[in-house]
Amino acid sequence: IESSDGMFSTPILPEGVTYWDKGKGIVYIYDRGFLIGNIIRSNGIALDSQFQKVQDIFISKAKPSCLKRSSILFGTKFD
C-alpha cells in the first residue's frame, strides 16, 4: 500500500471479509472491489512492522522480502 506521502507499507486487511481475486487483480473488502492502483480510504492505524506483535496478527503470511518496515492496519469503514 502506498500512502499519500509516497511511503509503502504492508497492508493488514480485515479477516473474513477480504478476498484477493488474482485473475482479475482485484481485492474485495466488504464486497467492494479495488483494483491495483485504486485509492482506498479507511479508518485504521499505522504500525511499525518490526514489532513481533504486529507479525502475530497476520492470518496470511507474506514472504519476508515483501514486508515493509511499517504496516497499515485497516479498520471497518471504507470510502
PDB file of N, CA and C in Angstrom:
ATOM      1  N   ILE A   1       0.858  -1.179   0.000  1.00  0.00           N
ATOM      2  CA  ILE A   1       0.000   0.000   0.000  1.00  0.00           C
ATOM      3  C   ILE A   1       0.895   1.230   0.000  1.00  0.00           C
ATOM      4  N   GLU A   2       0.599   2.175  -0.899  1.00  0.00           N
ATOM      5  CA  GLU A   2       1.347   3.427  -0.934  1.00  0.00           C
ATOM      6  C   GLU A   2       0.494   4.519  -0.301  1.00  0.00           C
ATOM      7  N   SER A   3       1.036   5.180   0.709  1.00  0.00           N
ATOM      8  CA  SER A   3       0.291   6.252   1.383  1.00  0.00           C
ATOM      9  C   SER A   3       0.397   7.544   0.593  1.00  0.00           C
ATOM     10  N   SER A   4      -0.351   8.543   1.017  1.00  0.00           N
ATOM     11  CA  SER A   4      -0.367   9.820   0.304  1.00  0.00           C
ATOM     12  C   SER A   4       0.975  10.527   0.323  1.00  0.00           C
ATOM     13  N   ASP A   5       1.861  10.152   1.265  1.00  0.00           N
ATOM     14  CA  ASP A   5       3.193  10.759   1.299  1.00  0.00           C
ATOM     15  C   ASP A   5       4.227   9.949   0.518  1.00  0.00           C
ATOM     16  N   GLY A   6       3.772   8.902  -0.206  1.00  0.00           N
ATOM     17  CA  GLY A   6       4.656   8.098  -1.053  1.00  0.00           C
ATOM     18  C   GLY A   6       5.360   6.962  -0.341  1.00  0.00           C
ATOM     19  N   MET A   7       5.063   6.745   0.940  1.00  0.00           N
ATOM     20  CA  MET A   7       5.684   5.660   1.685  1.00  0.00           C
ATOM     21  C   MET A   7       4.900   4.363   1.446  1.00  0.00           C
ATOM     22  N   PHE A   8       5.626   3.261   1.284  1.00  0.00           N
ATOM     23  CA  PHE A   8       4.990   1.958   1.091  1.00  0.00           C
ATOM     24  C   PHE A   8       4.914   1.220   2.423  1.00  0.00           C
ATOM     25  N   SER A   9       3.758   0.604   2.673  1.00  0.00           N
ATOM     26  CA  SER A   9       3.513  -0.131   3.915  1.00  0.00           C
ATOM     27  C   SER A   9       2.853  -1.461   3.587  1.00  0.00           C
ATOM     28  N   THR A  10       3.003  -2.413   4.495  1.00  0.00           N
ATOM     29  CA  THR A  10       2.338  -3.702   4.370  1.00  0.00           C
ATOM     30  C   THR A  10       0.883  -3.544   4.808  1.00  0.00           C
ATOM     31  N   PRO A  11      -0.079  -3.930   3.960  1.00  0.00           N
ATOM     32  CA  PRO A  11      -1.484  -3.806   4.367  1.00  0.00           C
ATOM     33  C   PRO A  11      -1.907  -4.961   5.274  1.00  0.00           C
ATOM     34  N   ILE A  12      -2.669  -4.649   6.302  1.00  0.00           N
ATOM     35  CA  ILE A  12      -3.305  -5.664   7.139  1.00  0.00           C
ATOM     36  C   ILE A  12      -4.798  -5.400   7.002  1.00  0.00           C
ATOM     37  N   LEU A  13      -5.467  -6.275   6.251  1.00  0.00           N
ATOM     38  CA  LEU A  13      -6.877  -6.079   5.904  1.00  0.00           C
ATOM     39  C   LEU A  13      -7.769  -6.930   6.804  1.00  0.00           C
ATOM     40  N   PRO A  14      -9.032  -6.550   6.965  1.00  0.00           N
ATOM     41  CA  PRO A  14      -9.935  -7.263   7.874  1.00  0.00           C
ATOM     42  C   PRO A  14     -10.111  -8.738   7.509  1.00  0.00           C
ATOM     43  N   GLU A  15      -9.989  -9.591   8.506  1.00  0.00           N
ATOM     44  CA  GLU A  15     -10.147 -11.031   8.319  1.00  0.00           C
ATOM     45  C   GLU A  15     -11.601 -11.380   8.055  1.00  0.00           C
ATOM     46  N   GLY A  16     -11.811 -12.349   7.162  1.00  0.00           N
ATOM     47  CA  GLY A  16     -13.147 -12.866   6.914  1.00  0.00           C
ATOM     48  C   GLY A  16     -13.981 -12.071   5.935  1.00  0.00           C
ATOM     49  N   VAL A  17     -13.550 -10.867   5.602  1.00  0.00           N
ATOM     50  CA  VAL A  17     -14.304 -10.028   4.668  1.00  0.00           C
ATOM     51  C   VAL A  17     -13.421  -9.536   3.527  1.00  0.00           C
ATOM     52  N   THR A  18     -12.192 -10.058   3.451  1.00  0.00           N
ATOM     53  CA  THR A  18     -11.233  -9.650   2.419  1.00  0.00           C
ATOM     54  C   THR A  18     -10.910 -10.854   1.546  1.00  0.00           C
ATOM     55  N   TYR A  19     -10.924 -10.630   0.231  1.00  0.00           N
ATOM     56  CA  TYR A  19     -10.638 -11.701  -0.723  1.00  0.00           C
ATOM     57  C   TYR A  19      -9.828 -11.137  -1.881  1.00  0.00           C
ATOM     58  N   TRP A  20      -8.774 -11.824  -2.285  1.00  0.00           N
ATOM     59  CA  TRP A  20      -7.933 -11.418  -3.412  1.00  0.00           C
ATOM     60  C   TRP A  20      -8.288 -12.272  -4.618  1.00  0.00           C
ATOM     61  N   ASP A  21      -8.739 -11.660  -5.696  1.00  0.00           N
ATOM     62  CA  ASP A  21      -9.008 -12.357  -6.950  1.00  0.00           C
ATOM     63  C   ASP A  21      -7.790 -12.134  -7.844  1.00  0.00           C
ATOM     64  N   LYS A  22      -6.888 -13.097  -7.829  1.00  0.00           N
ATOM     65  CA  LYS A  22      -5.627 -12.974  -8.561  1.00  0.00           C
ATOM     66  C   LYS A  22      -5.854 -12.818 -10.059  1.00  0.00           C
ATOM     67  N   GLY A  23      -6.816 -13.547 -10.597  1.00  0.00           N
ATOM     68  CA  GLY A  23      -7.088 -13.496 -12.032  1.00  0.00           C
ATOM     69  C   GLY A  23      -7.520 -12.119 -12.513  1.00  0.00           C
ATOM     70  N   LYS A  24      -8.314 -11.443 -11.715  1.00  0.00           N
ATOM     71  CA  LYS A  24      -8.806 -10.110 -12.076  1.00  0.00           C
ATOM     72  C   LYS A  24      -7.938  -8.990 -11.514  1.00  0.00           C
ATOM     73  N   GLY A  25      -7.054  -9.332 -10.562  1.00  0.00           N
ATOM     74  CA  GLY A  25      -6.219  -8.307  -9.944  1.00  0.00           C
ATOM     75  C   GLY A  25      -7.030  -7.357  -9.076  1.00  0.00           C
ATOM     76  N   ILE A  26      -8.033  -7.919  -8.389  1.00  0.00           N
ATOM     77  CA  ILE A  26      -8.926  -7.107  -7.558  1.00  0.00           C
ATOM     78  C   ILE A  26      -8.922  -7.654  -6.138  1.00  0.00           C
ATOM     79  N   VAL A  27      -8.812  -6.758  -5.157  1.00  0.00           N
ATOM     80  CA  VAL A  27      -9.002  -7.149  -3.761  1.00  0.00           C
ATOM     81  C   VAL A  27     -10.405  -6.703  -3.370  1.00  0.00           C
ATOM     82  N   TYR A  28     -11.160  -7.638  -2.798  1.00  0.00           N
ATOM     83  CA  TYR A  28     -12.510  -7.354  -2.330  1.00  0.00           C
ATOM     84  C   TYR A  28     -12.472  -7.215  -0.817  1.00  0.00           C
ATOM     85  N   ILE A  29     -13.011  -6.097  -0.324  1.00  0.00           N
ATOM     86  CA  ILE A  29     -13.116  -5.839   1.104  1.00  0.00           C
ATOM     87  C   ILE A  29     -14.564  -5.455   1.360  1.00  0.00           C
ATOM     88  N   TYR A  30     -15.247  -6.218   2.203  1.00  0.00           N
ATOM     89  CA  TYR A  30     -16.681  -5.985   2.452  1.00  0.00           C
ATOM     90  C   TYR A  30     -17.450  -5.895   1.139  1.00  0.00           C
ATOM     91  N   ASP A  31     -17.162  -6.818   0.205  1.00  0.00           N
ATOM     92  CA  ASP A  31     -17.843  -6.924  -1.087  1.00  0.00           C
ATOM     93  C   ASP A  31     -17.611  -5.731  -2.019  1.00  0.00           C
ATOM     94  N   ARG A  32     -16.658  -4.873  -1.702  1.00  0.00           N
ATOM     95  CA  ARG A  32     -16.287  -3.770  -2.602  1.00  0.00           C
ATOM     96  C   ARG A  32     -14.973  -4.131  -3.258  1.00  0.00           C
ATOM     97  N   GLY A  33     -14.919  -3.986  -4.577  1.00  0.00           N
ATOM     98  CA  GLY A  33     -13.715  -4.338  -5.317  1.00  0.00           C
ATOM     99  C   GLY A  33     -12.786  -3.151  -5.516  1.00  0.00           C
ATOM    100  N   PHE A  34     -11.479  -3.375  -5.294  1.00  0.00           N
ATOM    101  CA  PHE A  34     -10.459  -2.357  -5.502  1.00  0.00           C
ATOM    102  C   PHE A  34      -9.380  -2.922  -6.421  1.00  0.00           C
ATOM    103  N   LEU A  35      -9.185  -2.274  -7.552  1.00  0.00           N
ATOM    104  CA  LEU A  35      -8.113  -2.654  -8.468  1.00  0.00           C
ATOM    105  C   LEU A  35      -6.788  -2.131  -7.945  1.00  0.00           C
ATOM    106  N   ILE A  36      -5.701  -2.774  -8.367  1.00  0.00           N
ATOM    107  CA  ILE A  36      -4.377  -2.247  -8.042  1.00  0.00           C
ATOM    108  C   ILE A  36      -4.297  -0.831  -8.591  1.00  0.00           C
ATOM    109  N   GLY A  37      -3.861   0.095  -7.759  1.00  0.00           N
ATOM    110  CA  GLY A  37      -3.773   1.490  -8.156  1.00  0.00           C
ATOM    111  C   GLY A  37      -4.935   2.339  -7.690  1.00  0.00           C
ATOM    112  N   ASN A  38      -6.047   1.696  -7.270  1.00  0.00           N
ATOM    113  CA  ASN A  38      -7.184   2.451  -6.728  1.00  0.00           C
ATOM    114  C   ASN A  38      -6.806   3.088  -5.398  1.00  0.00           C
ATOM    115  N   ILE A  39      -7.438   4.197  -5.102  1.00  0.00           N
ATOM    116  CA  ILE A  39      -7.296   4.824  -3.790  1.00  0.00           C
ATOM    117  C   ILE A  39      -8.279   4.151  -2.849  1.00  0.00           C
ATOM    118  N   ILE A  40      -7.793   3.749  -1.671  1.00  0.00           N
ATOM    119  CA  ILE A  40      -8.638   3.143  -0.651  1.00  0.00           C
ATOM    120  C   ILE A  40      -8.587   4.052   0.568  1.00  0.00           C
ATOM    121  N   ARG A  41      -9.734   4.499   1.008  1.00  0.00           N
ATOM    122  CA  ARG A  41      -9.815   5.309   2.222  1.00  0.00           C
ATOM    123  C   ARG A  41     -10.499   4.489   3.303  1.00  0.00           C
ATOM    124  N   SER A  42      -9.881   4.457   4.467  1.00  0.00           N
ATOM    125  CA  SER A  42     -10.411   3.657   5.563  1.00  0.00           C
ATOM    126  C   SER A  42      -9.954   4.234   6.894  1.00  0.00           C
ATOM    127  N   ASN A  43     -10.693   3.882   7.944  1.00  0.00           N
ATOM    128  CA  ASN A  43     -10.155   4.158   9.266  1.00  0.00           C
ATOM    129  C   ASN A  43      -9.101   3.091   9.563  1.00  0.00           C
ATOM    130  N   GLY A  44      -8.258   3.326  10.501  1.00  0.00           N
ATOM    131  CA  GLY A  44      -7.216   2.370  10.845  1.00  0.00           C
ATOM    132  C   GLY A  44      -6.034   3.067  11.477  1.00  0.00           C
ATOM    133  N   ILE A  45      -4.933   2.322  11.626  1.00  0.00           N
ATOM    134  CA  ILE A  45      -3.736   2.887  12.235  1.00  0.00           C
ATOM    135  C   ILE A  45      -2.489   2.395  11.517  1.00  0.00           C
ATOM    136  N   ALA A  46      -1.437   3.172  11.626  1.00  0.00           N
ATOM    137  CA  ALA A  46      -0.129   2.782  11.103  1.00  0.00           C
ATOM    138  C   ALA A  46       0.650   2.112  12.233  1.00  0.00           C
ATOM    139  N   LEU A  47       1.368   1.048  11.897  1.00  0.00           N
ATOM    140  CA  LEU A  47       2.132   0.284  12.881  1.00  0.00           C
ATOM    141  C   LEU A  47       3.548   0.059  12.379  1.00  0.00           C
ATOM    142  N   ASP A  48       4.481  -0.127  13.282  1.00  0.00           N
ATOM    143  CA  ASP A  48       5.849  -0.498  12.924  1.00  0.00           C
ATOM    144  C   ASP A  48       5.893  -2.013  12.785  1.00  0.00           C
ATOM    145  N   SER A  49       6.177  -2.516  11.589  1.00  0.00           N
ATOM    146  CA  SER A  49       6.138  -3.962  11.312  1.00  0.00           C
ATOM    147  C   SER A  49       7.233  -4.744  12.016  1.00  0.00           C
ATOM    148  N   GLN A  50       8.202  -4.068  12.592  1.00  0.00           N
ATOM    149  CA  GLN A  50       9.305  -4.775  13.237  1.00  0.00           C
ATOM    150  C   GLN A  50       8.885  -5.395  14.571  1.00  0.00           C
ATOM    151  N   PHE A  51       7.772  -4.937  15.134  1.00  0.00           N
ATOM    152  CA  PHE A  51       7.319  -5.495  16.403  1.00  0.00           C
ATOM    153  C   PHE A  51       6.692  -6.862  16.185  1.00  0.00           C
ATOM    154  N   GLN A  52       7.079  -7.853  16.990  1.00  0.00           N
ATOM    155  CA  GLN A  52       6.570  -9.213  16.840  1.00  0.00           C
ATOM    156  C   GLN A  52       5.048  -9.258  16.975  1.00  0.00           C
ATOM    157  N   LYS A  53       4.461  -8.417  17.813  1.00  0.00           N
ATOM    158  CA  LYS A  53       3.011  -8.446  17.991  1.00  0.00           C
ATOM    159  C   LYS A  53       2.292  -8.113  16.696  1.00  0.00           C
ATOM    160  N   VAL A  54       2.863  -7.259  15.856  1.00  0.00           N
ATOM    161  CA  VAL A  54       2.262  -6.963  14.558  1.00  0.00           C
ATOM    162  C   VAL A  54       2.299  -8.210  13.696  1.00  0.00           C
ATOM    163  N   GLN A  55       3.431  -8.909  13.673  1.00  0.00           N
ATOM    164  CA  GLN A  55       3.552 -10.133  12.874  1.00  0.00           C
ATOM    165  C   GLN A  55       2.532 -11.180  13.324  1.00  0.00           C
ATOM    166  N   ASP A  56       2.233 -11.221  14.613  1.00  0.00           N
ATOM    167  CA  ASP A  56       1.325 -12.235  15.149  1.00  0.00           C
ATOM    168  C   ASP A  56      -0.123 -12.033  14.724  1.00  0.00           C
ATOM    169  N   ILE A  57      -0.511 -10.835  14.274  1.00  0.00           N
ATOM    170  CA  ILE A  57      -1.906 -10.630  13.887  1.00  0.00           C
ATOM    171  C   ILE A  57      -2.173 -10.995  12.428  1.00  0.00           C
ATOM    172  N   PHE A  58      -1.132 -11.333  11.657  1.00  0.00           N
ATOM    173  CA  PHE A  58      -1.331 -11.730  10.267  1.00  0.00           C
ATOM    174  C   PHE A  58      -2.007 -13.094  10.222  1.00  0.00           C
ATOM    175  N   ILE A  59      -3.036 -13.226   9.387  1.00  0.00           N
ATOM    176  CA  ILE A  59      -3.661 -14.525   9.149  1.00  0.00           C
ATOM    177  C   ILE A  59      -2.942 -15.194   7.980  1.00  0.00           C
ATOM    178  N   SER A  60      -2.761 -14.452   6.888  1.00  0.00           N
ATOM    179  CA  SER A  60      -1.977 -14.911   5.745  1.00  0.00           C
ATOM    180  C   SER A  60      -0.574 -14.367   5.895  1.00  0.00           C
ATOM    181  N   LYS A  61       0.388 -15.217   5.763  1.00  0.00           N
ATOM    182  CA  LYS A  61       1.778 -14.798   5.909  1.00  0.00           C
ATOM    183  C   LYS A  61       2.353 -14.406   4.554  1.00  0.00           C
ATOM    184  N   ALA A  62       2.971 -13.248   4.506  1.00  0.00           N
ATOM    185  CA  ALA A  62       3.649 -12.779   3.292  1.00  0.00           C
ATOM    186  C   ALA A  62       5.093 -13.230   3.343  1.00  0.00           C
ATOM    187  N   LYS A  63       5.726 -13.264   2.188  1.00  0.00           N
ATOM    188  CA  LYS A  63       7.163 -13.536   2.145  1.00  0.00           C
ATOM    189  C   LYS A  63       7.863 -12.418   2.910  1.00  0.00           C
ATOM    190  N   PRO A  64       8.851 -12.746   3.728  1.00  0.00           N
ATOM    191  CA  PRO A  64       9.560 -11.698   4.479  1.00  0.00           C
ATOM    192  C   PRO A  64      10.091 -10.575   3.585  1.00  0.00           C
ATOM    193  N   SER A  65      10.479 -10.903   2.362  1.00  0.00           N
ATOM    194  CA  SER A  65      11.013  -9.884   1.449  1.00  0.00           C
ATOM    195  C   SER A  65       9.929  -8.898   0.994  1.00  0.00           C
ATOM    196  N   CYS A  66       8.662  -9.269   1.150  1.00  0.00           N
ATOM    197  CA  CYS A  66       7.555  -8.397   0.750  1.00  0.00           C
ATOM    198  C   CYS A  66       7.116  -7.453   1.864  1.00  0.00           C
ATOM    199  N   LEU A  67       7.518  -7.732   3.092  1.00  0.00           N
ATOM    200  CA  LEU A  67       7.088  -6.926   4.222  1.00  0.00           C
ATOM    201  C   LEU A  67       7.866  -5.610   4.274  1.00  0.00           C
ATOM    202  N   LYS A  68       7.151  -4.553   4.488  1.00  0.00           N
ATOM    203  CA  LYS A  68       7.756  -3.229   4.624  1.00  0.00           C
ATOM    204  C   LYS A  68       7.972  -2.925   6.104  1.00  0.00           C
ATOM    205  N   ARG A  69       8.747  -1.883   6.378  1.00  0.00           N
ATOM    206  CA  ARG A  69       9.028  -1.533   7.773  1.00  0.00           C
ATOM    207  C   ARG A  69       7.762  -1.128   8.527  1.00  0.00           C
ATOM    208  N   SER A  70       6.838  -0.490   7.852  1.00  0.00           N
ATOM    209  CA  SER A  70       5.593  -0.096   8.508  1.00  0.00           C
ATOM    210  C   SER A  70       4.421  -0.861   7.912  1.00  0.00           C
ATOM    211  N   SER A  71       3.373  -0.968   8.693  1.00  0.00           N
ATOM    212  CA  SER A  71       2.143  -1.643   8.269  1.00  0.00           C
ATOM    213  C   SER A  71       0.973  -0.680   8.455  1.00  0.00           C
ATOM    214  N   ILE A  72      -0.062  -0.892   7.655  1.00  0.00           N
ATOM    215  CA  ILE A  72      -1.306  -0.161   7.822  1.00  0.00           C
ATOM    216  C   ILE A  72      -2.375  -1.174   8.208  1.00  0.00           C
ATOM    217  N   LEU A  73      -2.914  -1.026   9.418  1.00  0.00           N
ATOM    218  CA  LEU A  73      -3.992  -1.892   9.881  1.00  0.00           C
ATOM    219  C   LEU A  73      -5.305  -1.205   9.527  1.00  0.00           C
ATOM    220  N   PHE A  74      -5.992  -1.738   8.501  1.00  0.00           N
ATOM    221  CA  PHE A  74      -7.242  -1.142   8.042  1.00  0.00           C
ATOM    222  C   PHE A  74      -8.353  -1.435   9.037  1.00  0.00           C
ATOM    223  N   GLY A  75      -9.284  -0.493   9.135  1.00  0.00           N
ATOM    224  CA  GLY A  75     -10.426  -0.641  10.024  1.00  0.00           C
ATOM    225  C   GLY A  75     -11.612  -1.241   9.288  1.00  0.00           C
ATOM    226  N   THR A  76     -12.801  -0.811   9.656  1.00  0.00           N
ATOM    227  CA  THR A  76     -14.017  -1.391   9.108  1.00  0.00           C
ATOM    228  C   THR A  76     -14.813  -0.438   8.227  1.00  0.00           C
ATOM    229  N   LYS A  77     -14.362   0.795   8.092  1.00  0.00           N
ATOM    230  CA  LYS A  77     -15.070   1.778   7.265  1.00  0.00           C
ATOM    231  C   LYS A  77     -14.261   2.054   6.003  1.00  0.00           C
ATOM    232  N   PHE A  78     -14.905   1.918   4.848  1.00  0.00           N
ATOM    233  CA  PHE A  78     -14.230   2.143   3.586  1.00  0.00           C
ATOM    234  C   PHE A  78     -15.036   3.115   2.745  1.00  0.00           C
ATOM    235  N   ASP A  79     -14.334   4.056   2.080  1.00  0.00           N
ATOM    236  CA  ASP A  79     -14.961   5.007   1.150  1.00  0.00           C
ATOM    237  C   ASP A  79     -14.771   4.496  -0.261  1.00  0.00           C
TER     238      ASP A  79
END
